[in-house]
């Protein structure tokens, strides 16, 4: 290192002589300024930040004694060598009492100057290295203390109550009314594509993981240091914050503040679980466990938010298990009977109950959803309907369901499956009903002259008469009796025009055993009695 030197003397010839007397650069020194009086020297000390000052002891403005007194009082890390006339020897001795390194008597001899400068340079370098070593030692001590505190916090949240006393002994924590543990972790965005979810972190995310961790570490540290009542630690891939507080709302307020800063400054989505407050630091394990519970609830309540522990979780009971089976059966019934308006409602009731029974556990929720889908698949197979979304290895279905970051994604999966089942059944029924309708029309065309009734036709295709009536009108736009009458009248017109059969004969031939009733029905459809219709047709 080059040692920075200031020269000061009110005689320019002395200054020029000092500069030329020795080879400063070869000795590792660099002259950074020259002063012609005490006031100028005082200014140069502030602007040039010297390591060594070589100055006349008696100058206009202020003396060398004034200068060294200021150096001493301000505790500046600078060495001072004075130049004095022989008669000023007593004055120079006073300067040494203030810490002057040496004094030289005018005229300055080259060998004396080199000796003093070399000794000053060695002393400055030694002290500088010593200061650096001390700074490094302080750094490692602080680092070791931080590591020790983190290890104790980790142990404390694992249930080692003695760690609290050690933290107090280190001065890391103090006695407070409440202690609360908060846990923070980054979120993976909700993805509607299960395959994309299962692909895991991208190459870019992996490459930036350490940078993200570093940025989070800094912003958490800055936030809790500003709050002045919290410590940060790392545990199982999460950031932990132990908060000591006097009022119950402080941890949630700190968490909200931290969450907002991370969202705004880092543009990261994170979830923060706030545990229950406990009465002392030695009880921190309980707060940590409840913070974990709160954090797990993000699967159900959504990502990127502060989540407080809600206390008791829902528990699965025998009665609720039966209710789950009942809702599964109700959904199957709604699907197979094509009760379109009821399917979304039944699906949502089923999903809500599964969420309730999960007790905050993603694994329980996924397991129940998986079993429900298998029940649907099994029931649908009985009527020849297959579910494309799960027509693959069972393990891949379970992987896909587990891959969703939130319960909302699983809900969409089940809703999509229910919709698919409904559409497949509707399509299957449509094809079947088309065949049935064709059979009905063919039968009427062949047997219109017989005593055909709605009940007899319903029985022919194994339908309830009420359902058959609705079925027939749905597909033809008219009721069964009207359609049968039109078919019969169509054939009656043919017989009127193509044969010489009597009206009563035609009536009997098209299925009417009462000729008067036949004539009335004919006139109602064509506006004329059968005989009138025949006569008008001949005229035309």
Protein backbone atom coordinates (compact mmCIF):
# COMPACT_ATOMS: atom_id res chain seq x y z
CA UNK A 1 0.00 0.00 0.00
CA UNK A 2 1.17 3.56 -0.71
CA UNK A 3 1.26 5.72 2.41
CA UNK A 4 -0.33 9.14 1.92
CA UNK A 5 1.86 12.05 3.11
CA UNK A 6 1.10 15.73 3.81
CA UNK A 7 4.00 18.23 3.94
CA UNK A 8 3.60 21.57 5.73
CA UNK A 9 5.99 24.51 6.23
CA UNK A 10 5.63 28.26 5.91
CA UNK A 11 8.94 28.45 4.06
CA UNK A 12 8.57 27.33 0.38
CA UNK A 13 12.28 26.53 0.18
CA UNK A 14 11.90 24.01 3.01
CA UNK A 15 8.95 22.36 1.22
CA UNK A 16 10.89 22.07 -2.02
CA UNK A 17 13.87 20.70 -0.13
CA UNK A 18 11.79 18.05 1.67
CA UNK A 19 10.28 16.85 -1.61
CA UNK A 20 13.71 16.42 -3.21
CA UNK A 21 15.66 15.23 -0.18
CA UNK A 22 14.62 11.57 -0.39
CA UNK A 23 12.97 9.23 -2.92
CA UNK A 24 9.47 9.09 -1.45
CA UNK A 25 8.03 6.64 -4.02
CA UNK A 26 10.83 4.11 -3.53
CA UNK A 27 10.02 4.11 0.18
CA UNK A 28 6.35 3.46 -0.63
CA UNK A 29 5.09 6.96 0.18
CA UNK A 30 3.05 9.36 -1.91
CA UNK A 31 2.88 13.13 -1.30
CA UNK A 32 -0.80 14.06 -1.58
CA UNK A 33 -0.65 17.69 -0.47
CA UNK A 34 1.45 20.68 0.62
CA UNK A 35 0.43 23.36 3.14
CA UNK A 36 1.99 26.80 3.65
CA UNK A 37 0.41 27.52 7.05
CA UNK A 38 -1.52 25.86 9.85
CA UNK A 39 -5.02 26.72 8.55
CA UNK A 40 -4.24 25.24 5.15
CA UNK A 41 -2.87 22.11 6.81
CA UNK A 42 -6.06 21.74 8.82
CA UNK A 43 -8.12 21.85 5.59
CA UNK A 44 -5.86 19.38 3.77
CA UNK A 45 -6.16 16.89 6.63
CA UNK A 46 -9.93 16.81 6.01
CA UNK A 47 -9.73 16.54 2.22
CA UNK A 48 -6.64 14.38 1.65
CA UNK A 49 -7.09 11.83 4.48
CA UNK A 50 -3.30 11.44 5.08
CA UNK A 51 -1.54 8.58 6.88
CA UNK A 52 1.52 10.70 7.75
CA UNK A 53 2.01 14.45 8.34
CA UNK A 54 5.48 16.06 8.25
CA UNK A 55 5.07 19.61 9.43
CA UNK A 56 6.91 22.60 10.81
CA UNK A 57 5.95 22.97 14.44
CA UNK A 58 5.64 26.75 14.29
CA UNK A 59 3.54 28.20 11.43
CA UNK A 60 1.17 31.13 10.93
CA UNK A 61 -2.54 30.53 11.43
CA UNK A 62 -2.26 27.73 13.96
CA UNK A 63 0.74 25.92 15.34
CA UNK A 64 1.75 22.31 15.03
CA UNK A 65 0.69 21.82 18.65
CA UNK A 66 -2.84 22.96 17.72
CA UNK A 67 -2.88 20.52 14.81
CA UNK A 68 -1.69 17.49 16.79
CA UNK A 69 -4.08 18.34 19.62
CA UNK A 70 -6.99 18.16 17.13
CA UNK A 71 -5.65 14.89 15.72
CA UNK A 72 -5.49 13.51 19.23
CA UNK A 73 -8.98 14.73 20.24
CA UNK A 74 -10.61 13.44 17.03
CA UNK A 75 -8.77 10.14 17.35
CA UNK A 76 -7.60 10.36 13.74
CA UNK A 77 -5.50 7.43 12.52
CA UNK A 78 -2.58 9.60 11.33
CA UNK A 79 1.08 9.81 12.39
CA UNK A 80 2.77 13.22 12.87
CA UNK A 81 6.47 14.10 12.53
CA UNK A 82 7.46 17.65 13.42
CA UNK A 83 10.35 19.76 12.11
CA UNK A 84 11.68 22.28 14.58
CA UNK A 85 14.54 24.69 15.07
CA UNK A 86 17.03 23.81 17.79
CA UNK A 87 15.71 26.54 20.06
CA UNK A 88 12.21 25.02 19.81
CA UNK A 89 13.30 21.71 21.34
CA UNK A 90 11.14 22.10 24.48
CA UNK A 91 8.17 22.93 22.24
CA UNK A 92 8.74 19.75 20.26
CA UNK A 93 8.82 17.68 23.45
CA UNK A 94 5.35 18.98 24.27
CA UNK A 95 4.16 17.82 20.84
CA UNK A 96 5.49 14.32 21.48
CA UNK A 97 3.37 14.19 24.63
CA UNK A 98 0.30 14.56 22.32
CA UNK A 99 1.46 11.62 20.26
CA UNK A 100 3.88 13.02 17.74
CA UNK A 101 5.93 10.17 16.34
CA UNK A 102 9.26 12.06 16.10
CA UNK A 103 10.80 15.46 15.57
CA UNK A 104 13.57 16.57 13.25
CA UNK A 105 15.85 19.52 13.88
CA UNK A 106 16.43 21.97 11.06
CA UNK A 107 18.31 21.73 8.82
CA UNK A 108 16.88 18.27 8.08
CA UNK A 109 19.47 15.65 7.28
CA UNK A 110 18.62 13.13 4.56
CA UNK A 111 19.56 10.05 6.61
CA UNK A 112 17.51 11.24 9.58
CA UNK A 113 14.49 11.91 7.37
CA UNK A 114 14.76 8.49 5.68
CA UNK A 115 15.07 6.77 9.06
CA UNK A 116 12.03 8.54 10.52
CA UNK A 117 9.90 8.08 7.39
CA UNK A 118 10.81 4.38 7.12
CA UNK A 119 9.94 3.82 10.77
CA UNK A 120 6.66 5.70 10.38
CA UNK A 121 5.77 3.71 7.28
CA UNK A 122 6.46 0.40 9.03
CA UNK A 123 4.38 1.44 12.02
CA UNK A 124 1.49 2.60 9.84
CA UNK A 125 1.52 -0.64 7.85
CA UNK A 126 1.67 -2.71 11.04
CA UNK A 127 -1.26 -0.86 12.58
CA UNK A 128 -3.24 -1.03 9.33
CA UNK A 129 -2.75 -4.80 9.08
CA UNK A 130 -3.64 -5.09 12.72
CA UNK A 131 -6.82 -3.10 12.16
CA UNK A 132 -7.72 -5.29 9.20
CA UNK A 133 -7.10 -8.41 11.25
CA UNK A 134 -9.30 -7.02 14.01
CA UNK A 135 -12.05 -6.22 11.51
CA UNK A 136 -11.84 -9.75 10.11
CA UNK A 137 -11.95 -11.16 13.62
CA UNK A 138 -14.96 -9.03 14.46
CA UNK A 139 -16.61 -10.16 11.23
CA UNK A 140 -16.07 -13.85 12.01
CA UNK A 141 -17.20 -13.33 15.58
CA UNK A 142 -20.40 -11.70 14.37
CA UNK A 143 -20.85 -14.46 11.81
CA UNK A 144 -20.27 -17.17 14.40
CA UNK A 145 -22.68 -15.44 16.76
CA UNK A 146 -25.31 -15.33 14.03
CA UNK A 147 -24.80 -19.03 13.28
CA UNK A 148 -24.97 -19.85 16.98
CA UNK A 149 -28.21 -17.90 17.38
CA UNK A 150 -29.74 -19.64 14.34
CA UNK A 151 -28.75 -23.04 15.69
CA UNK A 152 -30.29 -22.19 19.06
CA UNK A 153 -33.50 -20.99 17.41
CA UNK A 154 -33.66 -24.18 15.39
CA UNK A 155 -33.19 -26.20 18.57
CA UNK A 156 -35.73 -24.05 20.43
CA UNK A 157 -38.44 -24.67 17.83
CA UNK A 158 -37.66 -28.40 18.04
CA UNK A 159 -38.61 -28.31 21.71
CA UNK A 160 -35.28 -27.67 23.48
CA UNK A 161 -36.49 -25.29 26.19
CA UNK A 162 -32.92 -24.74 27.49
CA UNK A 163 -32.06 -22.95 24.24
CA UNK A 164 -34.18 -20.00 25.41
CA UNK A 165 -31.87 -19.41 28.41
CA UNK A 166 -28.79 -19.54 26.15
CA UNK A 167 -30.35 -17.01 23.77
CA UNK A 168 -31.05 -14.69 26.69
CA UNK A 169 -27.45 -15.16 27.92
CA UNK A 170 -26.16 -14.18 24.45
CA UNK A 171 -28.33 -11.08 24.55
CA UNK A 172 -30.19 -12.25 21.44
CA UNK A 173 -33.61 -12.17 23.09
CA UNK A 174 -35.13 -10.55 26.13
CA UNK A 175 -38.04 -11.46 28.35
CA UNK A 176 -41.33 -10.39 26.73
CA UNK A 177 -45.02 -10.93 27.33
CA UNK A 178 -45.54 -13.01 24.17
CA UNK A 179 -43.46 -14.97 21.68
CA UNK A 180 -44.72 -15.91 18.22
CA UNK A 181 -43.08 -17.83 15.38
CA UNK A 182 -43.84 -16.94 11.75
CA UNK A 183 -42.78 -19.07 8.76
CA UNK A 184 -42.27 -17.80 5.22
CA UNK A 185 -41.88 -19.77 1.99
CA UNK A 186 -42.04 -18.91 -1.70
CA UNK A 187 -45.06 -19.99 -3.71
CA UNK A 188 -45.32 -21.83 -7.00
CA UNK A 189 -47.99 -20.21 -9.14
CA UNK A 190 -51.30 -22.02 -9.45
CA UNK A 191 -51.35 -23.79 -12.82
CA UNK A 192 -54.44 -25.10 -14.54
CA UNK A 193 -52.29 -27.54 -16.50
CA UNK A 194 -51.40 -30.42 -14.22
CA UNK A 195 -48.62 -31.56 -16.55
CA UNK A 196 -46.99 -28.13 -16.29
CA UNK A 197 -47.26 -28.29 -12.52
CA UNK A 198 -45.65 -31.69 -12.38
CA UNK A 199 -42.73 -30.58 -14.55
CA UNK A 200 -41.24 -28.88 -11.47
CA UNK A 201 -39.03 -25.82 -11.30
CA UNK A 202 -37.83 -24.51 -14.63
CA UNK A 203 -34.17 -24.21 -15.53
CA UNK A 204 -34.47 -20.45 -15.09
CA UNK A 205 -35.96 -20.83 -11.59
CA UNK A 206 -33.22 -23.22 -10.55
CA UNK A 207 -30.56 -20.89 -11.89
CA UNK A 208 -31.99 -17.95 -9.94
CA UNK A 209 -32.82 -19.83 -6.73
CA UNK A 210 -29.76 -18.67 -4.80
CA UNK A 211 -30.27 -15.07 -5.88
CA UNK A 212 -33.90 -15.18 -4.75
CA UNK A 213 -32.86 -16.67 -1.41
CA UNK A 214 -30.25 -13.95 -0.94
CA UNK A 215 -32.75 -11.17 -1.79
CA UNK A 216 -35.36 -12.62 0.59
CA UNK A 217 -32.75 -12.98 3.30
CA UNK A 218 -31.83 -9.30 3.00
CA UNK A 219 -35.34 -7.88 2.94
CA UNK A 220 -36.45 -10.03 5.89
CA UNK A 221 -33.37 -8.99 7.86
CA UNK A 222 -33.92 -5.29 7.10
CA UNK A 223 -37.61 -5.48 8.03
CA UNK A 224 -37.13 -7.25 11.36
CA UNK A 225 -34.17 -5.05 12.29
CA UNK A 226 -36.37 -2.02 11.75
CA UNK A 227 -39.07 -3.61 13.92
CA UNK A 228 -36.45 -4.29 16.60
CA UNK A 229 -38.25 -7.24 18.20
CA UNK A 230 -37.55 -10.25 16.00
CA UNK A 231 -34.87 -12.76 14.96
CA UNK A 232 -34.57 -14.61 11.65
CA UNK A 233 -33.56 -18.24 11.23
CA UNK A 234 -33.70 -20.92 8.53
CA UNK A 235 -35.43 -24.23 9.04
CA UNK A 236 -36.23 -27.00 6.55
CA UNK A 237 -36.20 -24.74 3.51
CA UNK A 238 -38.31 -22.03 5.13
CA UNK A 239 -37.52 -18.64 6.63
CA UNK A 240 -38.40 -18.51 10.31
CA UNK A 241 -39.03 -15.34 12.32
CA UNK A 242 -39.25 -15.40 16.10
CA UNK A 243 -41.15 -12.31 17.29
CA UNK A 244 -41.14 -11.06 20.88
CA UNK A 245 -44.02 -8.71 21.54
CA UNK A 246 -46.25 -7.08 24.12
CA UNK A 247 -49.54 -6.93 22.14
CA UNK A 248 -51.15 -9.81 20.25
CA UNK A 249 -51.45 -8.05 16.90
CA UNK A 250 -47.75 -7.31 16.39
CA UNK A 251 -46.66 -10.53 14.60
CA UNK A 252 -49.48 -10.33 12.03
CA UNK A 253 -48.69 -6.65 11.44
CA UNK A 254 -44.99 -7.45 10.93
CA UNK A 255 -45.92 -10.31 8.57
CA UNK A 256 -48.21 -8.07 6.50
CA UNK A 257 -45.49 -5.41 6.28
CA UNK A 258 -42.92 -7.98 5.17
CA UNK A 259 -45.34 -9.57 2.69
CA UNK A 260 -46.07 -6.21 1.09
CA UNK A 261 -42.38 -5.36 0.72
CA UNK A 262 -41.56 -8.71 -0.88
CA UNK A 263 -44.46 -8.36 -3.33
CA UNK A 264 -43.62 -4.76 -4.20
CA UNK A 265 -39.82 -4.81 -4.28
CA UNK A 266 -38.97 -8.38 -5.28
CA UNK A 267 -42.15 -9.14 -7.25
CA UNK A 268 -42.23 -12.55 -5.55
CA UNK A 269 -45.26 -14.49 -4.33
CA UNK A 270 -44.77 -15.80 -0.80
CA UNK A 271 -46.98 -17.23 1.93
CA UNK A 272 -46.42 -16.41 5.60
CA UNK A 273 -47.88 -18.60 8.34
CA UNK A 274 -48.39 -16.86 11.69
CA UNK A 275 -48.36 -19.22 14.65
CA UNK A 276 -50.20 -18.89 17.95
CA UNK A 277 -48.70 -16.53 20.53
CA UNK A 278 -47.16 -18.26 23.55
CA UNK A 279 -46.31 -16.83 26.96
CA UNK A 280 -42.55 -17.36 26.83
CA UNK A 281 -39.69 -18.11 24.43
CA UNK A 282 -39.28 -21.59 25.94
CA UNK A 283 -42.76 -22.41 24.52
CA UNK A 284 -41.70 -21.49 20.98
CA UNK A 285 -42.11 -25.06 19.71
CA UNK A 286 -45.90 -24.80 20.05
CA UNK A 287 -45.97 -21.54 18.13
CA UNK A 288 -43.73 -23.07 15.45
CA UNK A 289 -46.04 -26.09 15.03
CA UNK A 290 -49.09 -23.86 14.67
CA UNK A 291 -47.22 -21.69 12.16
CA UNK A 292 -46.59 -24.85 10.11
CA UNK A 293 -50.32 -25.64 10.28
CA UNK A 294 -51.16 -22.14 9.13
CA UNK A 295 -48.71 -22.40 6.22
CA UNK A 296 -50.18 -25.76 5.13
CA UNK A 297 -53.60 -24.12 4.89
CA UNK A 298 -52.42 -22.12 1.86
CA UNK A 299 -53.37 -25.19 -0.21
CA UNK A 300 -57.00 -24.50 0.70
CA UNK A 301 -57.14 -20.71 1.18
CA UNK A 302 -54.87 -19.68 -1.73
CA UNK A 303 -51.30 -18.55 -2.35
CA UNK A 304 -49.44 -15.30 -1.71
CA UNK A 305 -51.02 -14.21 1.56
CA UNK A 306 -50.48 -13.99 5.31
CA UNK A 307 -52.28 -16.90 7.00
CA UNK A 308 -53.02 -17.05 10.71
CA UNK A 309 -53.54 -20.38 12.45
CA UNK A 310 -57.25 -20.92 13.07
CA UNK A 311 -56.98 -23.29 16.01
CA UNK A 312 -58.85 -26.60 15.91
CA UNK A 313 -59.05 -28.32 12.56
CA UNK A 314 -62.04 -30.19 11.21
CA UNK A 315 -62.00 -33.86 12.05
CA UNK A 316 -63.41 -36.74 10.03
CA UNK A 317 -66.22 -38.52 11.84
CA UNK A 318 -68.18 -41.64 11.01
CA UNK A 319 -71.31 -39.63 10.22
CA UNK A 320 -69.47 -37.32 7.86
CA UNK A 321 -67.92 -40.36 6.14
CA UNK A 322 -71.42 -41.66 5.43
CA UNK A 323 -72.37 -38.23 4.14
CA UNK A 324 -69.45 -38.38 1.70
CA UNK A 325 -70.74 -41.72 0.39
CA UNK A 326 -74.23 -40.27 0.09
CA UNK A 327 -73.00 -37.26 -1.87
CA UNK A 328 -71.02 -39.51 -4.19
CA UNK A 329 -74.18 -41.56 -4.82
CA UNK A 330 -76.26 -38.39 -5.36
CA UNK A 331 -73.77 -37.10 -7.92
CA UNK A 332 -73.84 -40.42 -9.78
CA UNK A 333 -77.65 -40.29 -9.83
CA UNK A 334 -77.67 -36.69 -11.08
CA UNK A 335 -75.23 -37.61 -13.87
CA UNK A 336 -77.00 -40.77 -15.03
CA UNK A 337 -80.44 -39.15 -14.96
CA UNK A 338 -79.07 -36.08 -16.79
CA UNK A 339 -80.21 -33.60 -14.12
CA UNK A 340 -78.05 -30.88 -15.60
CA UNK A 341 -78.97 -28.09 -13.19
CA UNK A 342 -78.19 -30.27 -10.15
CA UNK A 343 -74.76 -31.53 -11.23
CA UNK A 344 -72.72 -28.33 -10.43
CA UNK A 345 -74.45 -28.02 -7.05
CA UNK A 346 -73.89 -31.69 -6.15
CA UNK A 347 -70.25 -31.49 -7.29
CA UNK A 348 -69.61 -28.39 -5.17
CA UNK A 349 -71.22 -29.96 -2.09
CA UNK A 350 -69.01 -33.00 -2.51
CA UNK A 351 -65.85 -30.89 -2.93
CA UNK A 352 -66.73 -28.73 0.08
CA UNK A 353 -67.23 -31.78 2.30
CA UNK A 354 -63.91 -33.28 1.20
CA UNK A 355 -62.20 -29.98 1.98
CA UNK A 356 -63.84 -29.91 5.41
CA UNK A 357 -62.88 -33.51 6.20
CA UNK A 358 -59.26 -32.97 5.13
CA UNK A 359 -58.45 -31.28 8.45
CA UNK A 360 -55.98 -28.97 6.72
CA UNK A 361 -54.10 -31.89 5.12
CA UNK A 362 -53.45 -31.81 1.39
CA UNK A 363 -52.76 -35.56 1.36
CA UNK A 364 -56.14 -36.39 2.91
CA UNK A 365 -57.94 -34.11 0.46
CA UNK A 366 -56.14 -35.57 -2.57
CA UNK A 367 -56.79 -39.14 -1.34
CA UNK A 368 -60.53 -38.50 -0.96
CA UNK A 369 -60.73 -36.78 -4.35
CA UNK A 370 -58.85 -39.69 -5.93
CA UNK A 371 -61.25 -42.23 -4.39
CA UNK A 372 -64.27 -40.18 -5.48
CA UNK A 373 -63.07 -40.12 -9.09
CA UNK A 374 -62.53 -43.89 -8.97
CA UNK A 375 -66.09 -44.32 -7.66
CA UNK A 376 -67.38 -42.23 -10.58
CA UNK A 377 -65.31 -44.25 -13.04
CA UNK A 378 -66.59 -47.54 -11.63
CA UNK A 379 -70.24 -46.43 -11.67
CA UNK A 380 -69.96 -45.06 -15.20
CA UNK A 381 -68.38 -48.28 -16.47
CA UNK A 382 -71.65 -50.06 -15.61
CA UNK A 383 -73.46 -48.03 -18.26
CA UNK A 384 -70.62 -48.12 -20.77
CA UNK A 385 -69.22 -44.63 -20.20
CA UNK A 386 -65.44 -44.19 -19.88
CA UNK A 387 -63.71 -41.10 -18.48
CA UNK A 388 -60.91 -40.04 -20.83
CA UNK A 389 -59.15 -37.82 -18.25
CA UNK A 390 -58.42 -40.83 -16.02
CA UNK A 391 -58.25 -43.58 -18.62
CA UNK A 392 -54.60 -44.20 -17.84
CA UNK A 393 -52.39 -45.55 -15.05
CA UNK A 394 -53.90 -44.86 -11.58
CA UNK A 395 -50.55 -43.53 -10.41
CA UNK A 396 -50.59 -40.82 -13.10
CA UNK A 397 -54.02 -39.65 -11.92
CA UNK A 398 -52.78 -39.48 -8.34
CA UNK A 399 -49.63 -37.63 -9.48
CA UNK A 400 -51.71 -35.12 -11.41
CA UNK A 401 -54.01 -34.46 -8.47
CA UNK A 402 -51.03 -34.14 -6.11
CA UNK A 403 -49.34 -31.76 -8.54
CA UNK A 404 -51.85 -28.97 -8.06
CA UNK A 405 -50.55 -26.21 -5.78
CA UNK A 406 -53.99 -25.40 -4.41
CA UNK A 407 -57.28 -27.18 -3.81
CA UNK A 408 -58.82 -24.89 -6.42
CA UNK A 409 -56.90 -26.77 -9.13
CA UNK A 410 -58.25 -30.11 -7.90
CA UNK A 411 -61.77 -28.67 -7.85
CA UNK A 412 -61.45 -27.68 -11.51
CA UNK A 413 -60.26 -31.19 -12.34
CA UNK A 414 -63.30 -32.81 -10.70
CA UNK A 415 -65.71 -30.30 -12.25
CA UNK A 416 -64.21 -31.04 -15.69
CA UNK A 417 -64.61 -34.79 -15.13
CA UNK A 418 -68.25 -34.35 -14.06
CA UNK A 419 -68.92 -32.25 -17.17
CA UNK A 420 -67.25 -34.86 -19.37
CA UNK A 421 -69.37 -37.64 -17.85
CA UNK A 422 -72.54 -35.61 -18.37
CA UNK A 423 -71.71 -34.95 -22.04
CA UNK A 424 -70.79 -38.58 -22.72
CA UNK A 425 -74.00 -39.84 -21.16
CA UNK A 426 -76.00 -37.22 -23.09
CA UNK A 427 -74.31 -38.28 -26.32
CA UNK A 428 -74.89 -41.94 -25.56
CA UNK A 429 -78.54 -41.31 -24.73
CA UNK A 430 -79.00 -39.22 -27.86
CA UNK A 431 -77.75 -42.06 -30.06
CA UNK A 432 -79.88 -44.62 -28.24
CA UNK A 433 -82.97 -42.43 -28.34
CA UNK A 434 -82.54 -41.87 -32.08
CA UNK A 435 -82.67 -45.63 -32.63
CA UNK A 436 -85.70 -45.92 -30.33
CA UNK A 437 -87.53 -43.12 -32.13
CA UNK A 438 -86.88 -44.80 -35.47
CA UNK A 439 -88.33 -48.04 -34.14
CA UNK A 440 -91.42 -46.21 -32.85
CA UNK A 441 -92.07 -44.45 -36.15
CA UNK A 442 -91.58 -47.66 -38.13
CA UNK A 443 -93.98 -49.52 -35.86
CA UNK A 444 -96.65 -46.80 -36.20
CA UNK A 445 -96.22 -46.78 -39.98
CA UNK A 446 -96.77 -50.52 -40.07
CA UNK A 447 -99.49 -50.88 -37.40
CA UNK A 448 -101.43 -47.58 -37.66
CA UNK A 449 -104.64 -49.49 -38.39
CA UNK A 450 -104.43 -51.29 -35.07
CA UNK A 451 -105.45 -50.07 -31.62
CA UNK A 452 -102.25 -48.20 -30.79
CA UNK A 453 -102.13 -46.27 -27.49
CA UNK A 454 -99.49 -44.27 -25.64
CA UNK A 455 -99.33 -46.96 -22.96
CA UNK A 456 -98.89 -49.78 -25.47
CA UNK A 457 -96.11 -47.95 -27.28
CA UNK A 458 -94.32 -47.10 -23.98
CA UNK A 459 -94.47 -50.75 -22.97
CA UNK A 460 -93.09 -51.77 -26.36
CA UNK A 461 -89.77 -49.95 -25.66
CA UNK A 462 -89.82 -50.49 -21.90
CA UNK A 463 -90.51 -46.91 -20.93
CA UNK A 464 -92.70 -45.35 -18.31
CA UNK A 465 -95.76 -43.83 -20.12
CA UNK A 466 -95.07 -40.40 -18.61
CA UNK A 467 -91.40 -40.51 -19.63
CA UNK A 468 -92.39 -41.87 -23.09
CA UNK A 469 -94.72 -38.91 -23.63
CA UNK A 470 -91.92 -36.44 -22.76
CA UNK A 471 -89.39 -38.42 -24.78
CA UNK A 472 -91.62 -38.43 -27.90
CA UNK A 473 -92.41 -34.72 -27.74
CA UNK A 474 -88.73 -33.87 -27.12
CA UNK A 475 -87.66 -35.57 -30.35
CA UNK A 476 -90.65 -34.84 -32.67
CA UNK A 477 -91.95 -31.52 -31.40
CA UNK A 478 -95.51 -32.90 -31.10
CA UNK A 479 -97.34 -35.23 -28.76
CA UNK A 480 -97.81 -38.90 -29.55
CA UNK A 481 -101.60 -38.74 -30.25
CA UNK A 482 -101.18 -35.89 -32.72
CA UNK A 483 -98.43 -37.73 -34.59
CA UNK A 484 -100.51 -40.95 -34.78
CA UNK A 485 -103.52 -38.99 -36.11
CA UNK A 486 -101.37 -37.40 -38.85
CA UNK A 487 -100.06 -40.80 -39.95
CA UNK A 488 -103.60 -42.25 -40.08
CA UNK A 489 -105.00 -39.26 -41.99
CA UNK A 490 -102.13 -39.44 -44.50
CA UNK A 491 -103.13 -43.01 -45.33
CA UNK A 492 -106.85 -42.08 -45.36
CA UNK A 493 -106.19 -39.42 -48.03
CA UNK A 494 -104.34 -42.00 -50.12
CA UNK A 495 -107.27 -44.44 -49.91
CA UNK A 496 -109.79 -41.70 -50.76
CA UNK A 497 -107.90 -40.70 -53.86
CA UNK A 498 -106.70 -44.09 -55.09
CA UNK A 499 -109.63 -46.44 -54.30
CA UNK A 500 -113.46 -46.59 -54.43
CA UNK A 501 -113.69 -47.71 -50.83
CA UNK A 502 -116.60 -46.40 -48.76
CA UNK A 503 -115.93 -43.90 -45.96
CA UNK A 504 -116.69 -46.41 -43.23
CA UNK A 505 -114.31 -48.89 -44.90
CA UNK A 506 -111.51 -46.31 -44.99
CA UNK A 507 -112.22 -45.39 -41.37
CA UNK A 508 -111.81 -49.00 -40.31
CA UNK A 509 -108.74 -49.46 -42.51
CA UNK A 510 -106.85 -46.56 -40.84
CA UNK A 511 -107.69 -47.50 -37.26
CA UNK A 512 -111.03 -45.84 -36.50
CA UNK A 513 -113.96 -48.10 -35.56
CA UNK A 514 -116.36 -45.15 -35.61
CA UNK A 515 -116.85 -43.57 -39.04
CA UNK A 516 -118.41 -40.39 -37.63
CA UNK A 517 -115.42 -39.82 -35.31
CA UNK A 518 -113.14 -40.47 -38.29
CA UNK A 519 -114.96 -37.87 -40.40
CA UNK A 520 -114.78 -35.30 -37.62
CA UNK A 521 -111.03 -35.83 -37.19
CA UNK A 522 -110.53 -35.65 -40.98
CA UNK A 523 -112.40 -32.33 -41.25
CA UNK A 524 -110.46 -30.95 -38.28
CA UNK A 525 -107.19 -31.65 -40.10
CA UNK A 526 -108.11 -30.83 -43.71
CA UNK A 527 -111.10 -28.47 -43.35
CA UNK A 528 -113.47 -30.78 -45.29
CA UNK A 529 -115.32 -34.00 -44.69
CA UNK A 530 -113.78 -37.05 -46.43
CA UNK A 531 -116.42 -37.15 -49.20
CA UNK A 532 -116.08 -33.37 -49.83
CA UNK A 533 -112.34 -33.72 -50.02
CA UNK A 534 -112.67 -36.54 -52.59
CA UNK A 535 -115.13 -34.56 -54.75
CA UNK A 536 -112.99 -31.42 -54.73
CA UNK A 537 -109.98 -33.45 -55.75
CA UNK A 538 -111.86 -34.87 -58.79
CA UNK A 539 -112.88 -31.38 -59.90
CA UNK A 540 -109.34 -30.18 -59.80
